[in-house]
Amino acid sequence: MLLAPNMVLVYISQAMQMLAYAVFIPVSAYFVNMTMARLDQVKGQAYINCSITLGGVFSSLVCGRLLDIKGPGFMLAVSLAVTATGLVIAFLALKVFGKKSKECGNIAEDRS
């Protein structure tokens, strides 16, 4: 949305978020099921939902304050920077996790 020059691209951006969320929820459940022991899978999915909720509350508070102080352009730029940082961290973590998973086999099988 930061780079959208008109409302059509803002609407397209919002539609893409809707589609991405529809993919994210089943993938997060699959990830928990593949990485946690069978008895802990419900707890793992609850942790993911708690993290999403707490992240939404925290980002609303921070972004609301940034919006008041500096305006929407700055808020979107900070959001983009934080998202890019999170993406890099996620890729690095998955790279390390993938190596350990290949060495140990399926982690969920090892823990059950």
PDB file of N, CA and C in Angstrom:
ATOM      1  N   MET A   1       0.818  -1.199   0.000  1.00  0.00           N
ATOM      2  CA  MET A   1       0.000   0.000   0.000  1.00  0.00           C
ATOM      3  C   MET A   1       0.857   1.256   0.000  1.00  0.00           C
ATOM      4  N   LEU A   2       2.052   1.134   0.545  1.00  0.00           N
ATOM      5  CA  LEU A   2       2.944   2.294   0.589  1.00  0.00           C
ATOM      6  C   LEU A   2       3.258   2.802  -0.815  1.00  0.00           C
ATOM      7  N   LEU A   3       3.387   1.899  -1.753  1.00  0.00           N
ATOM      8  CA  LEU A   3       3.768   2.276  -3.114  1.00  0.00           C
ATOM      9  C   LEU A   3       2.589   2.455  -4.059  1.00  0.00           C
ATOM     10  N   ALA A   4       1.370   2.298  -3.567  1.00  0.00           N
ATOM     11  CA  ALA A   4       0.191   2.388  -4.436  1.00  0.00           C
ATOM     12  C   ALA A   4      -0.063   3.839  -4.853  1.00  0.00           C
ATOM     13  N   PRO A   5      -0.046   4.108  -6.169  1.00  0.00           N
ATOM     14  CA  PRO A   5      -0.273   5.482  -6.623  1.00  0.00           C
ATOM     15  C   PRO A   5      -1.759   5.857  -6.723  1.00  0.00           C
ATOM     16  N   ASN A   6      -2.644   4.855  -6.678  1.00  0.00           N
ATOM     17  CA  ASN A   6      -4.070   5.161  -6.793  1.00  0.00           C
ATOM     18  C   ASN A   6      -4.884   4.145  -5.991  1.00  0.00           C
ATOM     19  N   MET A   7      -6.185   4.387  -5.897  1.00  0.00           N
ATOM     20  CA  MET A   7      -7.057   3.553  -5.078  1.00  0.00           C
ATOM     21  C   MET A   7      -7.237   2.144  -5.653  1.00  0.00           C
ATOM     22  N   VAL A   8      -7.122   1.991  -6.950  1.00  0.00           N
ATOM     23  CA  VAL A   8      -7.265   0.667  -7.547  1.00  0.00           C
ATOM     24  C   VAL A   8      -6.188  -0.274  -6.995  1.00  0.00           C
ATOM     25  N   LEU A   9      -4.964   0.208  -6.909  1.00  0.00           N
ATOM     26  CA  LEU A   9      -3.889  -0.623  -6.377  1.00  0.00           C
ATOM     27  C   LEU A   9      -4.029  -0.835  -4.876  1.00  0.00           C
ATOM     28  N   VAL A  10      -4.629   0.101  -4.167  1.00  0.00           N
ATOM     29  CA  VAL A  10      -4.914  -0.110  -2.743  1.00  0.00           C
ATOM     30  C   VAL A  10      -5.916  -1.251  -2.593  1.00  0.00           C
ATOM     31  N   TYR A  11      -6.946  -1.258  -3.418  1.00  0.00           N
ATOM     32  CA  TYR A  11      -7.934  -2.339  -3.359  1.00  0.00           C
ATOM     33  C   TYR A  11      -7.308  -3.684  -3.735  1.00  0.00           C
ATOM     34  N   ILE A  12      -6.437  -3.693  -4.723  1.00  0.00           N
ATOM     35  CA  ILE A  12      -5.756  -4.927  -5.109  1.00  0.00           C
ATOM     36  C   ILE A  12      -4.877  -5.416  -3.960  1.00  0.00           C
ATOM     37  N   SER A  13      -4.191  -4.495  -3.308  1.00  0.00           N
ATOM     38  CA  SER A  13      -3.361  -4.849  -2.155  1.00  0.00           C
ATOM     39  C   SER A  13      -4.203  -5.479  -1.049  1.00  0.00           C
ATOM     40  N   GLN A  14      -5.352  -4.911  -0.771  1.00  0.00           N
ATOM     41  CA  GLN A  14      -6.232  -5.458   0.251  1.00  0.00           C
ATOM     42  C   GLN A  14      -6.751  -6.844  -0.148  1.00  0.00           C
ATOM     43  N   ALA A  15      -7.059  -7.026  -1.407  1.00  0.00           N
ATOM     44  CA  ALA A  15      -7.519  -8.336  -1.876  1.00  0.00           C
ATOM     45  C   ALA A  15      -6.412  -9.384  -1.735  1.00  0.00           C
ATOM     46  N   MET A  16      -5.184  -8.997  -2.012  1.00  0.00           N
ATOM     47  CA  MET A  16      -4.055  -9.927  -1.857  1.00  0.00           C
ATOM     48  C   MET A  16      -3.875 -10.318  -0.389  1.00  0.00           C
ATOM     49  N   GLN A  17      -4.093  -9.378   0.527  1.00  0.00           N
ATOM     50  CA  GLN A  17      -3.989  -9.704   1.945  1.00  0.00           C
ATOM     51  C   GLN A  17      -5.058 -10.720   2.335  1.00  0.00           C
ATOM     52  N   MET A  18      -6.228 -10.578   1.797  1.00  0.00           N
ATOM     53  CA  MET A  18      -7.310 -11.509   2.082  1.00  0.00           C
ATOM     54  C   MET A  18      -6.937 -12.917   1.603  1.00  0.00           C
ATOM     55  N   LEU A  19      -6.389 -13.005   0.404  1.00  0.00           N
ATOM     56  CA  LEU A  19      -5.995 -14.303  -0.135  1.00  0.00           C
ATOM     57  C   LEU A  19      -4.804 -14.892   0.632  1.00  0.00           C
ATOM     58  N   ALA A  20      -3.866 -14.048   1.029  1.00  0.00           N
ATOM     59  CA  ALA A  20      -2.708 -14.530   1.782  1.00  0.00           C
ATOM     60  C   ALA A  20      -3.141 -15.073   3.143  1.00  0.00           C
ATOM     61  N   TYR A  21      -4.095 -14.422   3.780  1.00  0.00           N
ATOM     62  CA  TYR A  21      -4.576 -14.894   5.080  1.00  0.00           C
ATOM     63  C   TYR A  21      -5.257 -16.249   4.935  1.00  0.00           C
ATOM     64  N   ALA A  22      -5.965 -16.445   3.840  1.00  0.00           N
ATOM     65  CA  ALA A  22      -6.642 -17.720   3.593  1.00  0.00           C
ATOM     66  C   ALA A  22      -5.637 -18.858   3.420  1.00  0.00           C
ATOM     67  N   VAL A  23      -4.428 -18.555   2.981  1.00  0.00           N
ATOM     68  CA  VAL A  23      -3.379 -19.565   2.856  1.00  0.00           C
ATOM     69  C   VAL A  23      -2.628 -19.715   4.181  1.00  0.00           C
ATOM     70  N   PHE A  24      -2.425 -18.610   4.890  1.00  0.00           N
ATOM     71  CA  PHE A  24      -1.615 -18.606   6.104  1.00  0.00           C
ATOM     72  C   PHE A  24      -2.202 -19.487   7.203  1.00  0.00           C
ATOM     73  N   ILE A  25      -3.488 -19.454   7.415  1.00  0.00           N
ATOM     74  CA  ILE A  25      -4.106 -20.193   8.518  1.00  0.00           C
ATOM     75  C   ILE A  25      -3.922 -21.711   8.363  1.00  0.00           C
ATOM     76  N   PRO A  26      -4.256 -22.305   7.209  1.00  0.00           N
ATOM     77  CA  PRO A  26      -4.011 -23.744   7.088  1.00  0.00           C
ATOM     78  C   PRO A  26      -2.525 -24.113   7.147  1.00  0.00           C
ATOM     79  N   VAL A  27      -1.662 -23.266   6.609  1.00  0.00           N
ATOM     80  CA  VAL A  27      -0.231 -23.545   6.643  1.00  0.00           C
ATOM     81  C   VAL A  27       0.294 -23.511   8.074  1.00  0.00           C
ATOM     82  N   SER A  28      -0.206 -22.582   8.888  1.00  0.00           N
ATOM     83  CA  SER A  28       0.247 -22.532  10.278  1.00  0.00           C
ATOM     84  C   SER A  28      -0.190 -23.785  11.036  1.00  0.00           C
ATOM     85  N   ALA A  29      -1.384 -24.269  10.769  1.00  0.00           N
ATOM     86  CA  ALA A  29      -1.842 -25.514  11.403  1.00  0.00           C
ATOM     87  C   ALA A  29      -0.990 -26.696  10.931  1.00  0.00           C
ATOM     88  N   TYR A  30      -0.678 -26.741   9.648  1.00  0.00           N
ATOM     89  CA  TYR A  30       0.169 -27.810   9.109  1.00  0.00           C
ATOM     90  C   TYR A  30       1.559 -27.764   9.738  1.00  0.00           C
ATOM     91  N   PHE A  31       2.123 -26.555   9.870  1.00  0.00           N
ATOM     92  CA  PHE A  31       3.446 -26.397  10.466  1.00  0.00           C
ATOM     93  C   PHE A  31       3.458 -26.933  11.901  1.00  0.00           C
ATOM     94  N   VAL A  32       2.439 -26.582  12.671  1.00  0.00           N
ATOM     95  CA  VAL A  32       2.355 -27.080  14.049  1.00  0.00           C
ATOM     96  C   VAL A  32       2.245 -28.599  14.045  1.00  0.00           C
ATOM     97  N   ASN A  33       1.417 -29.141  13.197  1.00  0.00           N
ATOM     98  CA  ASN A  33       1.234 -30.585  13.147  1.00  0.00           C
ATOM     99  C   ASN A  33       2.517 -31.323  12.747  1.00  0.00           C
ATOM    100  N   MET A  34       3.338 -30.696  11.930  1.00  0.00           N
ATOM    101  CA  MET A  34       4.575 -31.341  11.492  1.00  0.00           C
ATOM    102  C   MET A  34       5.713 -31.186  12.495  1.00  0.00           C
ATOM    103  N   THR A  35       5.653 -30.193  13.362  1.00  0.00           N
ATOM    104  CA  THR A  35       6.785 -29.911  14.236  1.00  0.00           C
ATOM    105  C   THR A  35       6.542 -30.236  15.700  1.00  0.00           C
ATOM    106  N   MET A  36       5.323 -30.507  16.095  1.00  0.00           N
ATOM    107  CA  MET A  36       5.037 -30.758  17.505  1.00  0.00           C
ATOM    108  C   MET A  36       4.496 -32.165  17.700  1.00  0.00           C
ATOM    109  N   ALA A  37       4.726 -32.690  18.877  1.00  0.00           N
ATOM    110  CA  ALA A  37       4.185 -34.006  19.217  1.00  0.00           C
ATOM    111  C   ALA A  37       2.664 -33.956  19.167  1.00  0.00           C
ATOM    112  N   ARG A  38       2.068 -35.086  18.901  1.00  0.00           N
ATOM    113  CA  ARG A  38       0.614 -35.156  18.729  1.00  0.00           C
ATOM    114  C   ARG A  38      -0.145 -34.576  19.923  1.00  0.00           C
ATOM    115  N   LEU A  39       0.333 -34.841  21.125  1.00  0.00           N
ATOM    116  CA  LEU A  39      -0.361 -34.343  22.318  1.00  0.00           C
ATOM    117  C   LEU A  39      -0.225 -32.837  22.511  1.00  0.00           C
ATOM    118  N   ASP A  40       0.744 -32.220  21.856  1.00  0.00           N
ATOM    119  CA  ASP A  40       0.977 -30.782  22.007  1.00  0.00           C
ATOM    120  C   ASP A  40       0.470 -29.948  20.836  1.00  0.00           C
ATOM    121  N   GLN A  41      -0.135 -30.564  19.844  1.00  0.00           N
ATOM    122  CA  GLN A  41      -0.527 -29.833  18.640  1.00  0.00           C
ATOM    123  C   GLN A  41      -1.592 -28.779  18.893  1.00  0.00           C
ATOM    124  N   VAL A  42      -2.549 -29.076  19.743  1.00  0.00           N
ATOM    125  CA  VAL A  42      -3.586 -28.083  20.050  1.00  0.00           C
ATOM    126  C   VAL A  42      -2.963 -26.896  20.770  1.00  0.00           C
ATOM    127  N   LYS A  43      -2.038 -27.185  21.685  1.00  0.00           N
ATOM    128  CA  LYS A  43      -1.345 -26.117  22.401  1.00  0.00           C
ATOM    129  C   LYS A  43      -0.531 -25.262  21.421  1.00  0.00           C
ATOM    130  N   GLY A  44       0.126 -25.888  20.464  1.00  0.00           N
ATOM    131  CA  GLY A  44       0.909 -25.159  19.474  1.00  0.00           C
ATOM    132  C   GLY A  44       0.049 -24.254  18.614  1.00  0.00           C
ATOM    133  N   GLN A  45      -1.113 -24.745  18.200  1.00  0.00           N
ATOM    134  CA  GLN A  45      -2.013 -23.908  17.413  1.00  0.00           C
ATOM    135  C   GLN A  45      -2.561 -22.760  18.254  1.00  0.00           C
ATOM    136  N   ALA A  46      -2.792 -23.004  19.542  1.00  0.00           N
ATOM    137  CA  ALA A  46      -3.232 -21.927  20.435  1.00  0.00           C
ATOM    138  C   ALA A  46      -2.140 -20.874  20.571  1.00  0.00           C
ATOM    139  N   TYR A  47      -0.876 -21.311  20.659  1.00  0.00           N
ATOM    140  CA  TYR A  47       0.238 -20.361  20.736  1.00  0.00           C
ATOM    141  C   TYR A  47       0.299 -19.493  19.485  1.00  0.00           C
ATOM    142  N   ILE A  48       0.096 -20.095  18.338  1.00  0.00           N
ATOM    143  CA  ILE A  48       0.110 -19.315  17.098  1.00  0.00           C
ATOM    144  C   ILE A  48      -1.011 -18.280  17.105  1.00  0.00           C
ATOM    145  N   ASN A  49      -2.213 -18.685  17.507  1.00  0.00           N
ATOM    146  CA  ASN A  49      -3.331 -17.740  17.545  1.00  0.00           C
ATOM    147  C   ASN A  49      -3.098 -16.636  18.569  1.00  0.00           C
ATOM    148  N   CYS A  50      -2.514 -16.969  19.708  1.00  0.00           N
ATOM    149  CA  CYS A  50      -2.176 -15.944  20.713  1.00  0.00           C
ATOM    150  C   CYS A  50      -1.139 -14.976  20.156  1.00  0.00           C
ATOM    151  N   SER A  51      -0.149 -15.507  19.450  1.00  0.00           N
ATOM    152  CA  SER A  51       0.886 -14.650  18.863  1.00  0.00           C
ATOM    153  C   SER A  51       0.298 -13.705  17.827  1.00  0.00           C
ATOM    154  N   ILE A  52      -0.609 -14.200  17.011  1.00  0.00           N
ATOM    155  CA  ILE A  52      -1.254 -13.357  16.009  1.00  0.00           C
ATOM    156  C   ILE A  52      -2.058 -12.249  16.684  1.00  0.00           C
ATOM    157  N   THR A  53      -2.797 -12.614  17.730  1.00  0.00           N
ATOM    158  CA  THR A  53      -3.616 -11.632  18.438  1.00  0.00           C
ATOM    159  C   THR A  53      -2.751 -10.585  19.121  1.00  0.00           C
ATOM    160  N   LEU A  54      -1.731 -11.024  19.854  1.00  0.00           N
ATOM    161  CA  LEU A  54      -0.845 -10.077  20.536  1.00  0.00           C
ATOM    162  C   LEU A  54      -0.095  -9.197  19.534  1.00  0.00           C
ATOM    163  N   GLY A  55       0.326  -9.768  18.420  1.00  0.00           N
ATOM    164  CA  GLY A  55       0.978  -8.978  17.381  1.00  0.00           C
ATOM    165  C   GLY A  55       0.051  -7.922  16.805  1.00  0.00           C
ATOM    166  N   GLY A  56      -1.215  -8.278  16.616  1.00  0.00           N
ATOM    167  CA  GLY A  56      -2.194  -7.310  16.117  1.00  0.00           C
ATOM    168  C   GLY A  56      -2.445  -6.179  17.096  1.00  0.00           C
ATOM    169  N   VAL A  57      -2.556  -6.517  18.376  1.00  0.00           N
ATOM    170  CA  VAL A  57      -2.774  -5.488  19.399  1.00  0.00           C
ATOM    171  C   VAL A  57      -1.560  -4.569  19.486  1.00  0.00           C
ATOM    172  N   PHE A  58      -0.363  -5.167  19.556  1.00  0.00           N
ATOM    173  CA  PHE A  58       0.853  -4.372  19.654  1.00  0.00           C
ATOM    174  C   PHE A  58       1.038  -3.474  18.438  1.00  0.00           C
ATOM    175  N   SER A  59       0.840  -4.039  17.246  1.00  0.00           N
ATOM    176  CA  SER A  59       1.026  -3.233  16.038  1.00  0.00           C
ATOM    177  C   SER A  59      -0.023  -2.132  15.931  1.00  0.00           C
ATOM    178  N   SER A  60      -1.233  -2.386  16.390  1.00  0.00           N
ATOM    179  CA  SER A  60      -2.254  -1.333  16.375  1.00  0.00           C
ATOM    180  C   SER A  60      -1.868  -0.174  17.289  1.00  0.00           C
ATOM    181  N   LEU A  61      -1.347  -0.508  18.469  1.00  0.00           N
ATOM    182  CA  LEU A  61      -0.917   0.540  19.392  1.00  0.00           C
ATOM    183  C   LEU A  61       0.248   1.350  18.826  1.00  0.00           C
ATOM    184  N   VAL A  62       1.267   0.650  18.338  1.00  0.00           N
ATOM    185  CA  VAL A  62       2.450   1.330  17.819  1.00  0.00           C
ATOM    186  C   VAL A  62       2.121   2.111  16.554  1.00  0.00           C
ATOM    187  N   CYS A  63       1.420   1.470  15.624  1.00  0.00           N
ATOM    188  CA  CYS A  63       1.105   2.147  14.363  1.00  0.00           C
ATOM    189  C   CYS A  63       0.134   3.308  14.560  1.00  0.00           C
ATOM    190  N   GLY A  64      -0.775   3.165  15.521  1.00  0.00           N
ATOM    191  CA  GLY A  64      -1.663   4.285  15.828  1.00  0.00           C
ATOM    192  C   GLY A  64      -0.893   5.495  16.316  1.00  0.00           C
ATOM    193  N   ARG A  65       0.091   5.235  17.158  1.00  0.00           N
ATOM    194  CA  ARG A  65       0.923   6.338  17.662  1.00  0.00           C
ATOM    195  C   ARG A  65       1.770   6.932  16.546  1.00  0.00           C
ATOM    196  N   LEU A  66       2.367   6.068  15.695  1.00  0.00           N
ATOM    197  CA  LEU A  66       3.149   6.564  14.559  1.00  0.00           C
ATOM    198  C   LEU A  66       2.279   7.375  13.603  1.00  0.00           C
ATOM    199  N   LEU A  67       1.064   6.940  13.410  1.00  0.00           N
ATOM    200  CA  LEU A  67       0.134   7.665  12.544  1.00  0.00           C
ATOM    201  C   LEU A  67      -0.162   9.048  13.099  1.00  0.00           C
ATOM    202  N   ASP A  68      -0.346   9.147  14.415  1.00  0.00           N
ATOM    203  CA  ASP A  68      -0.589  10.445  15.045  1.00  0.00           C
ATOM    204  C   ASP A  68       0.618  11.370  14.947  1.00  0.00           C
ATOM    205  N   ILE A  69       1.805  10.811  15.126  1.00  0.00           N
ATOM    206  CA  ILE A  69       3.013  11.634  15.190  1.00  0.00           C
ATOM    207  C   ILE A  69       3.525  12.030  13.806  1.00  0.00           C
ATOM    208  N   LYS A  70       3.670  11.061  12.908  1.00  0.00           N
ATOM    209  CA  LYS A  70       4.364  11.307  11.637  1.00  0.00           C
ATOM    210  C   LYS A  70       3.489  11.189  10.389  1.00  0.00           C
ATOM    211  N   GLY A  71       2.316  10.566  10.497  1.00  0.00           N
ATOM    212  CA  GLY A  71       1.451  10.448   9.334  1.00  0.00           C
ATOM    213  C   GLY A  71       1.479   9.069   8.707  1.00  0.00           C
ATOM    214  N   PRO A  72       0.604   8.848   7.732  1.00  0.00           N
ATOM    215  CA  PRO A  72       0.449   7.514   7.151  1.00  0.00           C
ATOM    216  C   PRO A  72       1.662   7.017   6.362  1.00  0.00           C
ATOM    217  N   GLY A  73       2.365   7.899   5.662  1.00  0.00           N
ATOM    218  CA  GLY A  73       3.528   7.461   4.882  1.00  0.00           C
ATOM    219  C   GLY A  73       4.619   6.883   5.768  1.00  0.00           C
ATOM    220  N   PHE A  74       4.904   7.564   6.872  1.00  0.00           N
ATOM    221  CA  PHE A  74       5.926   7.079   7.805  1.00  0.00           C
ATOM    222  C   PHE A  74       5.491   5.775   8.459  1.00  0.00           C
ATOM    223  N   MET A  75       4.216   5.706   8.850  1.00  0.00           N
ATOM    224  CA  MET A  75       3.700   4.494   9.476  1.00  0.00           C
ATOM    225  C   MET A  75       3.828   3.295   8.533  1.00  0.00           C
ATOM    226  N   LEU A  76       3.479   3.475   7.277  1.00  0.00           N
ATOM    227  CA  LEU A  76       3.576   2.388   6.309  1.00  0.00           C
ATOM    228  C   LEU A  76       5.039   2.019   6.035  1.00  0.00           C
ATOM    229  N   ALA A  77       5.928   2.998   6.033  1.00  0.00           N
ATOM    230  CA  ALA A  77       7.349   2.702   5.823  1.00  0.00           C
ATOM    231  C   ALA A  77       7.909   1.890   6.992  1.00  0.00           C
ATOM    232  N   VAL A  78       7.557   2.254   8.216  1.00  0.00           N
ATOM    233  CA  VAL A  78       8.009   1.498   9.383  1.00  0.00           C
ATOM    234  C   VAL A  78       7.422   0.090   9.338  1.00  0.00           C
ATOM    235  N   SER A  79       6.152  -0.028   8.978  1.00  0.00           N
ATOM    236  CA  SER A  79       5.523  -1.343   8.873  1.00  0.00           C
ATOM    237  C   SER A  79       6.223  -2.201   7.828  1.00  0.00           C
ATOM    238  N   LEU A  80       6.593  -1.606   6.716  1.00  0.00           N
ATOM    239  CA  LEU A  80       7.306  -2.326   5.667  1.00  0.00           C
ATOM    240  C   LEU A  80       8.675  -2.795   6.169  1.00  0.00           C
ATOM    241  N   ALA A  81       9.387  -1.935   6.887  1.00  0.00           N
ATOM    242  CA  ALA A  81      10.703  -2.302   7.405  1.00  0.00           C
ATOM    243  C   ALA A  81      10.602  -3.432   8.425  1.00  0.00           C
ATOM    244  N   VAL A  82       9.622  -3.360   9.315  1.00  0.00           N
ATOM    245  CA  VAL A  82       9.448  -4.410  10.315  1.00  0.00           C
ATOM    246  C   VAL A  82       9.062  -5.726   9.644  1.00  0.00           C
ATOM    247  N   THR A  83       8.194  -5.668   8.642  1.00  0.00           N
ATOM    248  CA  THR A  83       7.781  -6.867   7.917  1.00  0.00           C
ATOM    249  C   THR A  83       8.958  -7.491   7.174  1.00  0.00           C
ATOM    250  N   ALA A  84       9.775  -6.667   6.535  1.00  0.00           N
ATOM    251  CA  ALA A  84      10.951  -7.181   5.819  1.00  0.00           C
ATOM    252  C   ALA A  84      11.935  -7.828   6.793  1.00  0.00           C
ATOM    253  N   THR A  85      12.121  -7.224   7.952  1.00  0.00           N
ATOM    254  CA  THR A  85      12.995  -7.806   8.972  1.00  0.00           C
ATOM    255  C   THR A  85      12.452  -9.157   9.436  1.00  0.00           C
ATOM    256  N   GLY A  86      11.152  -9.221   9.676  1.00  0.00           N
ATOM    257  CA  GLY A  86      10.524 -10.479  10.072  1.00  0.00           C
ATOM    258  C   GLY A  86      10.647 -11.548   9.003  1.00  0.00           C
ATOM    259  N   LEU A  87      10.549 -11.150   7.750  1.00  0.00           N
ATOM    260  CA  LEU A  87      10.695 -12.099   6.638  1.00  0.00           C
ATOM    261  C   LEU A  87      12.102 -12.689   6.613  1.00  0.00           C
ATOM    262  N   VAL A  88      13.112 -11.845   6.794  1.00  0.00           N
ATOM    263  CA  VAL A  88      14.495 -12.330   6.818  1.00  0.00           C
ATOM    264  C   VAL A  88      14.699 -13.287   7.990  1.00  0.00           C
ATOM    265  N   ILE A  89      14.188 -12.917   9.169  1.00  0.00           N
ATOM    266  CA  ILE A  89      14.314 -13.783  10.343  1.00  0.00           C
ATOM    267  C   ILE A  89      13.613 -15.116  10.103  1.00  0.00           C
ATOM    268  N   ALA A  90      12.428 -15.082   9.502  1.00  0.00           N
ATOM    269  CA  ALA A  90      11.684 -16.313   9.232  1.00  0.00           C
ATOM    270  C   ALA A  90      12.450 -17.218   8.262  1.00  0.00           C
ATOM    271  N   PHE A  91      13.010 -16.639   7.202  1.00  0.00           N
ATOM    272  CA  PHE A  91      13.776 -17.445   6.252  1.00  0.00           C
ATOM    273  C   PHE A  91      15.007 -18.059   6.902  1.00  0.00           C
ATOM    274  N   LEU A  92      15.707 -17.279   7.724  1.00  0.00           N
ATOM    275  CA  LEU A  92      16.884 -17.820   8.409  1.00  0.00           C
ATOM    276  C   LEU A  92      16.490 -18.926   9.383  1.00  0.00           C
ATOM    277  N   ALA A  93      15.402 -18.726  10.112  1.00  0.00           N
ATOM    278  CA  ALA A  93      14.946 -19.743  11.064  1.00  0.00           C
ATOM    279  C   ALA A  93      14.512 -21.010  10.342  1.00  0.00           C
ATOM    280  N   LEU A  94      13.808 -20.867   9.227  1.00  0.00           N
ATOM    281  CA  LEU A  94      13.382 -22.040   8.471  1.00  0.00           C
ATOM    282  C   LEU A  94      14.562 -22.764   7.841  1.00  0.00           C
ATOM    283  N   LYS A  95      15.585 -22.005   7.473  1.00  0.00           N
ATOM    284  CA  LYS A  95      16.777 -22.640   6.912  1.00  0.00           C
ATOM    285  C   LYS A  95      17.446 -23.511   7.975  1.00  0.00           C
ATOM    286  N   VAL A  96      17.598 -22.973   9.174  1.00  0.00           N
ATOM    287  CA  VAL A  96      18.181 -23.738  10.275  1.00  0.00           C
ATOM    288  C   VAL A  96      17.255 -24.885  10.657  1.00  0.00           C
ATOM    289  N   PHE A  97      15.961 -24.616  10.759  1.00  0.00           N
ATOM    290  CA  PHE A  97      14.990 -25.639  11.125  1.00  0.00           C
ATOM    291  C   PHE A  97      14.962 -26.751  10.092  1.00  0.00           C
ATOM    292  N   GLY A  98      15.034 -26.396   8.811  1.00  0.00           N
ATOM    293  CA  GLY A  98      15.023 -27.396   7.746  1.00  0.00           C
ATOM    294  C   GLY A  98      16.214 -28.323   7.821  1.00  0.00           C
ATOM    295  N   LYS A  99      17.392 -27.796   8.148  1.00  0.00           N
ATOM    296  CA  LYS A  99      18.580 -28.634   8.283  1.00  0.00           C
ATOM    297  C   LYS A  99      18.424 -29.598   9.449  1.00  0.00           C
ATOM    298  N   LYS A 100      17.941 -29.103  10.575  1.00  0.00           N
ATOM    299  CA  LYS A 100      17.749 -29.967  11.740  1.00  0.00           C
ATOM    300  C   LYS A 100      16.683 -31.013  11.477  1.00  0.00           C
ATOM    301  N   SER A 101      15.630 -30.624  10.750  1.00  0.00           N
ATOM    302  CA  SER A 101      14.550 -31.553  10.446  1.00  0.00           C
ATOM    303  C   SER A 101      15.041 -32.685   9.553  1.00  0.00           C
ATOM    304  N   LYS A 102      15.895 -32.369   8.584  1.00  0.00           N
ATOM    305  CA  LYS A 102      16.437 -33.404   7.700  1.00  0.00           C
ATOM    306  C   LYS A 102      17.376 -34.335   8.448  1.00  0.00           C
ATOM    307  N   GLU A 103      18.135 -33.786   9.403  1.00  0.00           N
ATOM    308  CA  GLU A 103      19.059 -34.612  10.176  1.00  0.00           C
ATOM    309  C   GLU A 103      18.320 -35.549  11.124  1.00  0.00           C
ATOM    310  N   CYS A 104      17.225 -35.056  11.709  1.00  0.00           N
ATOM    311  CA  CYS A 104      16.505 -35.823  12.741  1.00  0.00           C
ATOM    312  C   CYS A 104      15.304 -36.569  12.204  1.00  0.00           C
ATOM    313  N   GLY A 105      14.928 -36.374  10.976  1.00  0.00           N
ATOM    314  CA  GLY A 105      13.676 -36.928  10.486  1.00  0.00           C
ATOM    315  C   GLY A 105      12.538 -36.009  10.888  1.00  0.00           C
ATOM    316  N   ASN A 106      11.328 -36.479  10.782  1.00  0.00           N
ATOM    317  CA  ASN A 106      10.164 -35.681  11.148  1.00  0.00           C
ATOM    318  C   ASN A 106      10.150 -35.471  12.662  1.00  0.00           C
ATOM    319  N   ILE A 107      10.196 -34.242  13.092  1.00  0.00           N
ATOM    320  CA  ILE A 107      10.253 -33.921  14.517  1.00  0.00           C
ATOM    321  C   ILE A 107       9.021 -34.417  15.245  1.00  0.00           C
ATOM    322  N   ALA A 108       7.866 -34.317  14.632  1.00  0.00           N
ATOM    323  CA  ALA A 108       6.629 -34.764  15.288  1.00  0.00           C
ATOM    324  C   ALA A 108       6.679 -36.263  15.564  1.00  0.00           C
ATOM    325  N   GLU A 109       7.267 -37.027  14.663  1.00  0.00           N
ATOM    326  CA  GLU A 109       7.369 -38.464  14.874  1.00  0.00           C
ATOM    327  C   GLU A 109       8.327 -38.780  16.015  1.00  0.00           C
ATOM    328  N   ASP A 110       9.426 -37.996  16.123  1.00  0.00           N
ATOM    329  CA  ASP A 110      10.394 -38.224  17.178  1.00  0.00           C
ATOM    330  C   ASP A 110       9.814 -37.960  18.558  1.00  0.00           C
ATOM    331  N   ARG A 111       8.890 -37.019  18.669  1.00  0.00           N
ATOM    332  CA  ARG A 111       8.358 -36.625  19.959  1.00  0.00           C
ATOM    333  C   ARG A 111       7.146 -37.421  20.401  1.00  0.00           C
ATOM    334  N   SER A 112       6.503 -38.150  19.487  1.00  0.00           N
ATOM    335  CA  SER A 112       5.292 -38.870  19.888  1.00  0.00           C
ATOM    336  C   SER A 112       5.587 -40.180  20.552  1.00  0.00           C
TER     337      SER A 112
END
